[in-house]
Amino acid sequence: MSNIGTLRICEKGHRYYKSSDCPTCPVCEAERKPNDQFLEVLSAPTRRALEGKGITTPEQLKDYSEKEILDLHGMGKSAMQTLHGILLARGYSFKQ
């Protein structure tokens, strides 16, 4: 039998199971998913990492180096490929 995790209840009363230490409620996360062409294509961990740094547009993202973004919790190879593509499509790149 697989381990579905520990039952948790968020501040809003949503009940969910998590097998990791991540405190994020999946119901709350789905409710706050942005309707924005930049942020909506990103995974929730990537989006939270950027938002936590105050980055909500490609114009803001281009002001950071690739290393600075990779150092954020929630960033990985897949996220970086997506971010490179977003910047490239707008004629931007990461700060050198």
PDB file of N, CA and C in Angstrom:
ATOM      1  N   MET A   1       0.848  -1.181   0.000  1.00  0.00           N
ATOM      2  CA  MET A   1       0.000   0.000   0.000  1.00  0.00           C
ATOM      3  C   MET A   1       0.894   1.244   0.000  1.00  0.00           C
ATOM      4  N   SER A   2       0.560   2.227  -0.823  1.00  0.00           N
ATOM      5  CA  SER A   2       1.385   3.429  -0.913  1.00  0.00           C
ATOM      6  C   SER A   2       1.052   4.407   0.215  1.00  0.00           C
ATOM      7  N   ASN A   3       2.030   5.209   0.573  1.00  0.00           N
ATOM      8  CA  ASN A   3       1.859   6.204   1.617  1.00  0.00           C
ATOM      9  C   ASN A   3       1.325   7.482   0.983  1.00  0.00           C
ATOM     10  N   ILE A   4       0.117   7.877   1.357  1.00  0.00           N
ATOM     11  CA  ILE A   4      -0.471   9.084   0.780  1.00  0.00           C
ATOM     12  C   ILE A   4      -0.093  10.337   1.555  1.00  0.00           C
ATOM     13  N   GLY A   5       0.581  10.156   2.660  1.00  0.00           N
ATOM     14  CA  GLY A   5       1.044  11.300   3.424  1.00  0.00           C
ATOM     15  C   GLY A   5       0.229  11.536   4.672  1.00  0.00           C
ATOM     16  N   THR A   6       0.485  12.673   5.258  1.00  0.00           N
ATOM     17  CA  THR A   6      -0.150  13.074   6.504  1.00  0.00           C
ATOM     18  C   THR A   6      -1.301  14.019   6.204  1.00  0.00           C
ATOM     19  N   LEU A   7      -2.419  13.808   6.860  1.00  0.00           N
ATOM     20  CA  LEU A   7      -3.547  14.719   6.699  1.00  0.00           C
ATOM     21  C   LEU A   7      -3.194  16.061   7.319  1.00  0.00           C
ATOM     22  N   ARG A   8      -3.420  17.118   6.559  1.00  0.00           N
ATOM     23  CA  ARG A   8      -3.163  18.474   7.035  1.00  0.00           C
ATOM     24  C   ARG A   8      -4.393  19.330   6.773  1.00  0.00           C
ATOM     25  N   ILE A   9      -4.487  20.408   7.505  1.00  0.00           N
ATOM     26  CA  ILE A   9      -5.578  21.366   7.322  1.00  0.00           C
ATOM     27  C   ILE A   9      -4.956  22.755   7.284  1.00  0.00           C
ATOM     28  N   CYS A  10      -5.230  23.494   6.218  1.00  0.00           N
ATOM     29  CA  CYS A  10      -4.636  24.830   6.070  1.00  0.00           C
ATOM     30  C   CYS A  10      -5.442  25.855   6.865  1.00  0.00           C
ATOM     31  N   GLU A  11      -4.976  27.100   6.852  1.00  0.00           N
ATOM     32  CA  GLU A  11      -5.635  28.193   7.574  1.00  0.00           C
ATOM     33  C   GLU A  11      -7.074  28.404   7.133  1.00  0.00           C
ATOM     34  N   LYS A  12      -7.362  28.084   5.863  1.00  0.00           N
ATOM     35  CA  LYS A  12      -8.712  28.272   5.329  1.00  0.00           C
ATOM     36  C   LYS A  12      -9.608  27.059   5.563  1.00  0.00           C
ATOM     37  N   GLY A  13      -9.048  26.009   6.188  1.00  0.00           N
ATOM     38  CA  GLY A  13      -9.838  24.825   6.500  1.00  0.00           C
ATOM     39  C   GLY A  13      -9.817  23.743   5.446  1.00  0.00           C
ATOM     40  N   HIS A  14      -9.007  23.910   4.393  1.00  0.00           N
ATOM     41  CA  HIS A  14      -8.895  22.870   3.372  1.00  0.00           C
ATOM     42  C   HIS A  14      -8.161  21.667   3.938  1.00  0.00           C
ATOM     43  N   ARG A  15      -8.670  20.485   3.671  1.00  0.00           N
ATOM     44  CA  ARG A  15      -8.049  19.244   4.136  1.00  0.00           C
ATOM     45  C   ARG A  15      -7.310  18.624   2.952  1.00  0.00           C
ATOM     46  N   TYR A  16      -6.059  18.240   3.169  1.00  0.00           N
ATOM     47  CA  TYR A  16      -5.245  17.644   2.115  1.00  0.00           C
ATOM     48  C   TYR A  16      -4.179  16.756   2.735  1.00  0.00           C
ATOM     49  N   TYR A  17      -3.627  15.878   1.922  1.00  0.00           N
ATOM     50  CA  TYR A  17      -2.558  14.982   2.373  1.00  0.00           C
ATOM     51  C   TYR A  17      -1.245  15.398   1.724  1.00  0.00           C
ATOM     52  N   LYS A  18      -0.176  15.366   2.500  1.00  0.00           N
ATOM     53  CA  LYS A  18       1.168  15.669   1.991  1.00  0.00           C
ATOM     54  C   LYS A  18       2.139  14.650   2.545  1.00  0.00           C
ATOM     55  N   SER A  19       3.022  14.164   1.684  1.00  0.00           N
ATOM     56  CA  SER A  19       4.051  13.234   2.143  1.00  0.00           C
ATOM     57  C   SER A  19       5.389  13.943   2.335  1.00  0.00           C
ATOM     58  N   SER A  20       5.455  15.223   1.960  1.00  0.00           N
ATOM     59  CA  SER A  20       6.687  15.992   2.136  1.00  0.00           C
ATOM     60  C   SER A  20       6.491  17.029   3.238  1.00  0.00           C
ATOM     61  N   ASP A  21       7.545  17.787   3.526  1.00  0.00           N
ATOM     62  CA  ASP A  21       7.472  18.849   4.532  1.00  0.00           C
ATOM     63  C   ASP A  21       6.909  20.153   3.975  1.00  0.00           C
ATOM     64  N   CYS A  22       6.607  20.176   2.689  1.00  0.00           N
ATOM     65  CA  CYS A  22       6.093  21.386   2.046  1.00  0.00           C
ATOM     66  C   CYS A  22       4.773  21.795   2.698  1.00  0.00           C
ATOM     67  N   PRO A  23       4.680  23.032   3.202  1.00  0.00           N
ATOM     68  CA  PRO A  23       3.468  23.469   3.897  1.00  0.00           C
ATOM     69  C   PRO A  23       2.373  24.013   2.983  1.00  0.00           C
ATOM     70  N   THR A  24       2.592  24.030   1.685  1.00  0.00           N
ATOM     71  CA  THR A  24       1.651  24.647   0.766  1.00  0.00           C
ATOM     72  C   THR A  24       0.401  23.794   0.573  1.00  0.00           C
ATOM     73  N   CYS A  25      -0.747  24.411   0.745  1.00  0.00           N
ATOM     74  CA  CYS A  25      -2.032  23.752   0.539  1.00  0.00           C
ATOM     75  C   CYS A  25      -2.316  23.713  -0.966  1.00  0.00           C
ATOM     76  N   PRO A  26      -2.531  22.534  -1.546  1.00  0.00           N
ATOM     77  CA  PRO A  26      -2.777  22.464  -2.986  1.00  0.00           C
ATOM     78  C   PRO A  26      -4.085  23.131  -3.404  1.00  0.00           C
ATOM     79  N   VAL A  27      -5.074  23.158  -2.531  1.00  0.00           N
ATOM     80  CA  VAL A  27      -6.346  23.808  -2.856  1.00  0.00           C
ATOM     81  C   VAL A  27      -6.144  25.321  -2.929  1.00  0.00           C
ATOM     82  N   CYS A  28      -5.476  25.888  -1.925  1.00  0.00           N
ATOM     83  CA  CYS A  28      -5.188  27.324  -1.931  1.00  0.00           C
ATOM     84  C   CYS A  28      -4.323  27.698  -3.130  1.00  0.00           C
ATOM     85  N   GLU A  29      -3.358  26.846  -3.439  1.00  0.00           N
ATOM     86  CA  GLU A  29      -2.456  27.117  -4.562  1.00  0.00           C
ATOM     87  C   GLU A  29      -3.232  27.151  -5.876  1.00  0.00           C
ATOM     88  N   ALA A  30      -4.168  26.224  -6.056  1.00  0.00           N
ATOM     89  CA  ALA A  30      -4.979  26.198  -7.277  1.00  0.00           C
ATOM     90  C   ALA A  30      -5.866  27.438  -7.366  1.00  0.00           C
ATOM     91  N   GLU A  31      -6.374  27.899  -6.232  1.00  0.00           N
ATOM     92  CA  GLU A  31      -7.234  29.085  -6.214  1.00  0.00           C
ATOM     93  C   GLU A  31      -6.483  30.359  -6.562  1.00  0.00           C
ATOM     94  N   ARG A  32      -5.193  30.405  -6.260  1.00  0.00           N
ATOM     95  CA  ARG A  32      -4.442  31.634  -6.508  1.00  0.00           C
ATOM     96  C   ARG A  32      -3.618  31.590  -7.786  1.00  0.00           C
ATOM     97  N   LYS A  33      -3.841  30.574  -8.607  1.00  0.00           N
ATOM     98  CA  LYS A  33      -3.098  30.479  -9.865  1.00  0.00           C
ATOM     99  C   LYS A  33      -3.361  31.731 -10.701  1.00  0.00           C
ATOM    100  N   PRO A  34      -2.315  32.368 -11.161  1.00  0.00           N
ATOM    101  CA  PRO A  34      -2.472  33.635 -11.880  1.00  0.00           C
ATOM    102  C   PRO A  34      -3.061  33.453 -13.271  1.00  0.00           C
ATOM    103  N   ASN A  35      -3.702  34.492 -13.730  1.00  0.00           N
ATOM    104  CA  ASN A  35      -4.211  34.527 -15.094  1.00  0.00           C
ATOM    105  C   ASN A  35      -3.323  35.506 -15.857  1.00  0.00           C
ATOM    106  N   ASP A  36      -2.077  35.110 -16.020  1.00  0.00           N
ATOM    107  CA  ASP A  36      -1.048  35.965 -16.592  1.00  0.00           C
ATOM    108  C   ASP A  36      -0.175  35.095 -17.482  1.00  0.00           C
ATOM    109  N   GLN A  37       0.112  35.537 -18.668  1.00  0.00           N
ATOM    110  CA  GLN A  37       0.850  34.701 -19.616  1.00  0.00           C
ATOM    111  C   GLN A  37       2.254  34.343 -19.143  1.00  0.00           C
ATOM    112  N   PHE A  38       2.843  35.140 -18.296  1.00  0.00           N
ATOM    113  CA  PHE A  38       4.184  34.831 -17.794  1.00  0.00           C
ATOM    114  C   PHE A  38       4.108  33.822 -16.657  1.00  0.00           C
ATOM    115  N   LEU A  39       3.409  34.155 -15.599  1.00  0.00           N
ATOM    116  CA  LEU A  39       3.392  33.311 -14.417  1.00  0.00           C
ATOM    117  C   LEU A  39       2.572  32.037 -14.574  1.00  0.00           C
ATOM    118  N   GLU A  40       1.534  32.057 -15.394  1.00  0.00           N
ATOM    119  CA  GLU A  40       0.662  30.885 -15.475  1.00  0.00           C
ATOM    120  C   GLU A  40       1.324  29.681 -16.139  1.00  0.00           C
ATOM    121  N   VAL A  41       2.361  29.876 -16.919  1.00  0.00           N
ATOM    122  CA  VAL A  41       3.025  28.737 -17.567  1.00  0.00           C
ATOM    123  C   VAL A  41       4.056  28.079 -16.659  1.00  0.00           C
ATOM    124  N   LEU A  42       4.303  28.668 -15.505  1.00  0.00           N
ATOM    125  CA  LEU A  42       5.316  28.151 -14.588  1.00  0.00           C
ATOM    126  C   LEU A  42       4.695  27.207 -13.565  1.00  0.00           C
ATOM    127  N   SER A  43       5.494  26.264 -13.095  1.00  0.00           N
ATOM    128  CA  SER A  43       5.030  25.381 -12.035  1.00  0.00           C
ATOM    129  C   SER A  43       4.836  26.196 -10.758  1.00  0.00           C
ATOM    130  N   ALA A  44       4.042  25.678  -9.844  1.00  0.00           N
ATOM    131  CA  ALA A  44       3.770  26.389  -8.598  1.00  0.00           C
ATOM    132  C   ALA A  44       5.042  26.693  -7.806  1.00  0.00           C
ATOM    133  N   PRO A  45       5.987  25.730  -7.637  1.00  0.00           N
ATOM    134  CA  PRO A  45       7.205  26.062  -6.893  1.00  0.00           C
ATOM    135  C   PRO A  45       8.028  27.166  -7.566  1.00  0.00           C
ATOM    136  N   THR A  46       8.092  27.123  -8.884  1.00  0.00           N
ATOM    137  CA  THR A  46       8.839  28.146  -9.618  1.00  0.00           C
ATOM    138  C   THR A  46       8.166  29.498  -9.467  1.00  0.00           C
ATOM    139  N   ARG A  47       6.858  29.515  -9.622  1.00  0.00           N
ATOM    140  CA  ARG A  47       6.102  30.759  -9.492  1.00  0.00           C
ATOM    141  C   ARG A  47       6.268  31.351  -8.086  1.00  0.00           C
ATOM    142  N   ARG A  48       6.165  30.519  -7.060  1.00  0.00           N
ATOM    143  CA  ARG A  48       6.322  31.007  -5.688  1.00  0.00           C
ATOM    144  C   ARG A  48       7.719  31.570  -5.457  1.00  0.00           C
ATOM    145  N   ALA A  49       8.724  30.895  -6.020  1.00  0.00           N
ATOM    146  CA  ALA A  49      10.107  31.363  -5.852  1.00  0.00           C
ATOM    147  C   ALA A  49      10.281  32.746  -6.466  1.00  0.00           C
ATOM    148  N   LEU A  50       9.769  32.931  -7.671  1.00  0.00           N
ATOM    149  CA  LEU A  50       9.897  34.234  -8.331  1.00  0.00           C
ATOM    150  C   LEU A  50       9.083  35.300  -7.608  1.00  0.00           C
ATOM    151  N   GLU A  51       7.857  34.973  -7.244  1.00  0.00           N
ATOM    152  CA  GLU A  51       7.013  35.941  -6.540  1.00  0.00           C
ATOM    153  C   GLU A  51       7.628  36.332  -5.199  1.00  0.00           C
ATOM    154  N   GLY A  52       8.255  35.367  -4.535  1.00  0.00           N
ATOM    155  CA  GLY A  52       8.913  35.654  -3.263  1.00  0.00           C
ATOM    156  C   GLY A  52      10.046  36.649  -3.414  1.00  0.00           C
ATOM    157  N   LYS A  53      10.633  36.690  -4.584  1.00  0.00           N
ATOM    158  CA  LYS A  53      11.720  37.627  -4.885  1.00  0.00           C
ATOM    159  C   LYS A  53      11.167  38.925  -5.501  1.00  0.00           C
ATOM    160  N   GLY A  54       9.843  38.982  -5.707  1.00  0.00           N
ATOM    161  CA  GLY A  54       9.222  40.170  -6.290  1.00  0.00           C
ATOM    162  C   GLY A  54       9.260  40.189  -7.805  1.00  0.00           C
ATOM    163  N   ILE A  55       9.520  39.045  -8.427  1.00  0.00           N
ATOM    164  CA  ILE A  55       9.620  38.959  -9.884  1.00  0.00           C
ATOM    165  C   ILE A  55       8.290  38.463 -10.425  1.00  0.00           C
ATOM    166  N   THR A  56       7.582  39.329 -11.140  1.00  0.00           N
ATOM    167  CA  THR A  56       6.285  38.954 -11.698  1.00  0.00           C
ATOM    168  C   THR A  56       6.175  39.212 -13.195  1.00  0.00           C
ATOM    169  N   THR A  57       7.257  39.721 -13.794  1.00  0.00           N
ATOM    170  CA  THR A  57       7.259  39.990 -15.236  1.00  0.00           C
ATOM    171  C   THR A  57       8.612  39.595 -15.831  1.00  0.00           C
ATOM    172  N   PRO A  58       8.644  39.313 -17.130  1.00  0.00           N
ATOM    173  CA  PRO A  58       9.926  39.032 -17.780  1.00  0.00           C
ATOM    174  C   PRO A  58      10.875  40.225 -17.694  1.00  0.00           C
ATOM    175  N   GLU A  59      10.320  41.433 -17.681  1.00  0.00           N
ATOM    176  CA  GLU A  59      11.151  42.634 -17.592  1.00  0.00           C
ATOM    177  C   GLU A  59      11.913  42.662 -16.270  1.00  0.00           C
ATOM    178  N   GLN A  60      11.287  42.181 -15.204  1.00  0.00           N
ATOM    179  CA  GLN A  60      11.969  42.109 -13.905  1.00  0.00           C
ATOM    180  C   GLN A  60      12.957  40.945 -13.889  1.00  0.00           C
ATOM    181  N   LEU A  61      12.588  39.841 -14.502  1.00  0.00           N
ATOM    182  CA  LEU A  61      13.431  38.644 -14.517  1.00  0.00           C
ATOM    183  C   LEU A  61      14.771  38.911 -15.190  1.00  0.00           C
ATOM    184  N   LYS A  62      14.777  39.701 -16.254  1.00  0.00           N
ATOM    185  CA  LYS A  62      16.019  39.951 -17.004  1.00  0.00           C
ATOM    186  C   LYS A  62      17.059  40.709 -16.189  1.00  0.00           C
ATOM    187  N   ASP A  63      16.657  41.286 -15.063  1.00  0.00           N
ATOM    188  CA  ASP A  63      17.577  42.025 -14.210  1.00  0.00           C
ATOM    189  C   ASP A  63      18.348  41.129 -13.243  1.00  0.00           C
ATOM    190  N   TYR A  64      18.135  39.810 -13.329  1.00  0.00           N
ATOM    191  CA  TYR A  64      18.804  38.845 -12.455  1.00  0.00           C
ATOM    192  C   TYR A  64      19.690  37.923 -13.284  1.00  0.00           C
ATOM    193  N   SER A  65      20.766  37.461 -12.668  1.00  0.00           N
ATOM    194  CA  SER A  65      21.631  36.500 -13.352  1.00  0.00           C
ATOM    195  C   SER A  65      21.006  35.112 -13.257  1.00  0.00           C
ATOM    196  N   GLU A  66      21.436  34.240 -14.125  1.00  0.00           N
ATOM    197  CA  GLU A  66      20.957  32.861 -14.118  1.00  0.00           C
ATOM    198  C   GLU A  66      21.267  32.211 -12.761  1.00  0.00           C
ATOM    199  N   LYS A  67      22.443  32.483 -12.207  1.00  0.00           N
ATOM    200  CA  LYS A  67      22.823  31.911 -10.914  1.00  0.00           C
ATOM    201  C   LYS A  67      21.903  32.392  -9.802  1.00  0.00           C
ATOM    202  N   GLU A  68      21.571  33.694  -9.816  1.00  0.00           N
ATOM    203  CA  GLU A  68      20.683  34.229  -8.784  1.00  0.00           C
ATOM    204  C   GLU A  68      19.321  33.520  -8.801  1.00  0.00           C
ATOM    205  N   ILE A  69      18.823  33.245  -9.989  1.00  0.00           N
ATOM    206  CA  ILE A  69      17.530  32.579 -10.116  1.00  0.00           C
ATOM    207  C   ILE A  69      17.651  31.103  -9.750  1.00  0.00           C
ATOM    208  N   LEU A  70      18.706  30.449 -10.191  1.00  0.00           N
ATOM    209  CA  LEU A  70      18.917  29.039  -9.859  1.00  0.00           C
ATOM    210  C   LEU A  70      19.064  28.809  -8.360  1.00  0.00           C
ATOM    211  N   ASP A  71      19.551  29.800  -7.655  1.00  0.00           N
ATOM    212  CA  ASP A  71      19.740  29.685  -6.206  1.00  0.00           C
ATOM    213  C   ASP A  71      18.427  29.752  -5.428  1.00  0.00           C
ATOM    214  N   LEU A  72      17.344  30.155  -6.082  1.00  0.00           N
ATOM    215  CA  LEU A  72      16.056  30.242  -5.403  1.00  0.00           C
ATOM    216  C   LEU A  72      15.486  28.847  -5.182  1.00  0.00           C
ATOM    217  N   HIS A  73      14.874  28.649  -4.045  1.00  0.00           N
ATOM    218  CA  HIS A  73      14.224  27.371  -3.747  1.00  0.00           C
ATOM    219  C   HIS A  73      13.056  27.177  -4.716  1.00  0.00           C
ATOM    220  N   GLY A  74      13.026  26.038  -5.376  1.00  0.00           N
ATOM    221  CA  GLY A  74      11.955  25.757  -6.333  1.00  0.00           C
ATOM    222  C   GLY A  74      12.416  25.827  -7.776  1.00  0.00           C
ATOM    223  N   MET A  75      13.672  26.191  -7.994  1.00  0.00           N
ATOM    224  CA  MET A  75      14.207  26.282  -9.348  1.00  0.00           C
ATOM    225  C   MET A  75      14.972  25.023  -9.711  1.00  0.00           C
ATOM    226  N   GLY A  76      14.812  24.597 -10.936  1.00  0.00           N
ATOM    227  CA  GLY A  76      15.537  23.445 -11.435  1.00  0.00           C
ATOM    228  C   GLY A  76      15.793  23.605 -12.924  1.00  0.00           C
ATOM    229  N   LYS A  77      16.317  22.547 -13.539  1.00  0.00           N
ATOM    230  CA  LYS A  77      16.662  22.605 -14.968  1.00  0.00           C
ATOM    231  C   LYS A  77      15.445  22.902 -15.838  1.00  0.00           C
ATOM    232  N   SER A  78      14.346  22.251 -15.560  1.00  0.00           N
ATOM    233  CA  SER A  78      13.129  22.443 -16.348  1.00  0.00           C
ATOM    234  C   SER A  78      12.632  23.880 -16.246  1.00  0.00           C
ATOM    235  N   ALA A  79      12.626  24.409 -15.034  1.00  0.00           N
ATOM    236  CA  ALA A  79      12.181  25.788 -14.833  1.00  0.00           C
ATOM    237  C   ALA A  79      13.093  26.759 -15.578  1.00  0.00           C
ATOM    238  N   MET A  80      14.387  26.513 -15.518  1.00  0.00           N
ATOM    239  CA  MET A  80      15.330  27.417 -16.178  1.00  0.00           C
ATOM    240  C   MET A  80      15.156  27.382 -17.695  1.00  0.00           C
ATOM    241  N   GLN A  81      14.874  26.207 -18.246  1.00  0.00           N
ATOM    242  CA  GLN A  81      14.630  26.118 -19.694  1.00  0.00           C
ATOM    243  C   GLN A  81      13.407  26.948 -20.073  1.00  0.00           C
ATOM    244  N   THR A  82      12.368  26.845 -19.277  1.00  0.00           N
ATOM    245  CA  THR A  82      11.156  27.621 -19.527  1.00  0.00           C
ATOM    246  C   THR A  82      11.445  29.113 -19.430  1.00  0.00           C
ATOM    247  N   LEU A  83      12.173  29.512 -18.400  1.00  0.00           N
ATOM    248  CA  LEU A  83      12.489  30.933 -18.221  1.00  0.00           C
ATOM    249  C   LEU A  83      13.373  31.469 -19.342  1.00  0.00           C
ATOM    250  N   HIS A  84      14.336  30.668 -19.781  1.00  0.00           N
ATOM    251  CA  HIS A  84      15.173  31.073 -20.928  1.00  0.00           C
ATOM    252  C   HIS A  84      14.298  31.315 -22.152  1.00  0.00           C
ATOM    253  N   GLY A  85      13.367  30.409 -22.400  1.00  0.00           N
ATOM    254  CA  GLY A  85      12.470  30.545 -23.551  1.00  0.00           C
ATOM    255  C   GLY A  85      11.613  31.789 -23.469  1.00  0.00           C
ATOM    256  N   ILE A  86      11.107  32.077 -22.291  1.00  0.00           N
ATOM    257  CA  ILE A  86      10.275  33.271 -22.091  1.00  0.00           C
ATOM    258  C   ILE A  86      11.087  34.535 -22.359  1.00  0.00           C
ATOM    259  N   LEU A  87      12.298  34.584 -21.818  1.00  0.00           N
ATOM    260  CA  LEU A  87      13.151  35.757 -22.038  1.00  0.00           C
ATOM    261  C   LEU A  87      13.525  35.904 -23.506  1.00  0.00           C
ATOM    262  N   LEU A  88      13.918  34.803 -24.124  1.00  0.00           N
ATOM    263  CA  LEU A  88      14.325  34.823 -25.536  1.00  0.00           C
ATOM    264  C   LEU A  88      13.185  35.309 -26.437  1.00  0.00           C
ATOM    265  N   ALA A  89      11.971  34.862 -26.168  1.00  0.00           N
ATOM    266  CA  ALA A  89      10.819  35.256 -26.981  1.00  0.00           C
ATOM    267  C   ALA A  89      10.569  36.762 -26.928  1.00  0.00           C
ATOM    268  N   ARG A  90      11.039  37.403 -25.879  1.00  0.00           N
ATOM    269  CA  ARG A  90      10.854  38.847 -25.727  1.00  0.00           C
ATOM    270  C   ARG A  90      12.116  39.635 -26.050  1.00  0.00           C
ATOM    271  N   GLY A  91      13.139  38.933 -26.497  1.00  0.00           N
ATOM    272  CA  GLY A  91      14.386  39.603 -26.843  1.00  0.00           C
ATOM    273  C   GLY A  91      15.267  39.915 -25.650  1.00  0.00           C
ATOM    274  N   TYR A  92      15.047  39.237 -24.540  1.00  0.00           N
ATOM    275  CA  TYR A  92      15.817  39.454 -23.319  1.00  0.00           C
ATOM    276  C   TYR A  92      16.716  38.260 -23.036  1.00  0.00           C
ATOM    277  N   SER A  93      17.579  38.440 -22.081  1.00  0.00           N
ATOM    278  CA  SER A  93      18.380  37.340 -21.541  1.00  0.00           C
ATOM    279  C   SER A  93      18.664  37.653 -20.077  1.00  0.00           C
ATOM    280  N   PHE A  94      19.192  36.649 -19.374  1.00  0.00           N
ATOM    281  CA  PHE A  94      19.558  36.888 -17.987  1.00  0.00           C
ATOM    282  C   PHE A  94      20.729  37.860 -17.930  1.00  0.00           C
ATOM    283  N   LYS A  95      20.817  38.597 -16.832  1.00  0.00           N
ATOM    284  CA  LYS A  95      21.919  39.530 -16.609  1.00  0.00           C
ATOM    285  C   LYS A  95      23.234  38.731 -16.562  1.00  0.00           C
ATOM    286  N   GLN A  96      24.264  39.278 -17.137  1.00  0.00           N
ATOM    287  CA  GLN A  96      25.572  38.592 -17.144  1.00  0.00           C
ATOM    288  C   GLN A  96      26.353  38.863 -15.894  1.00  0.00           C
TER     289      GLN A  96
END
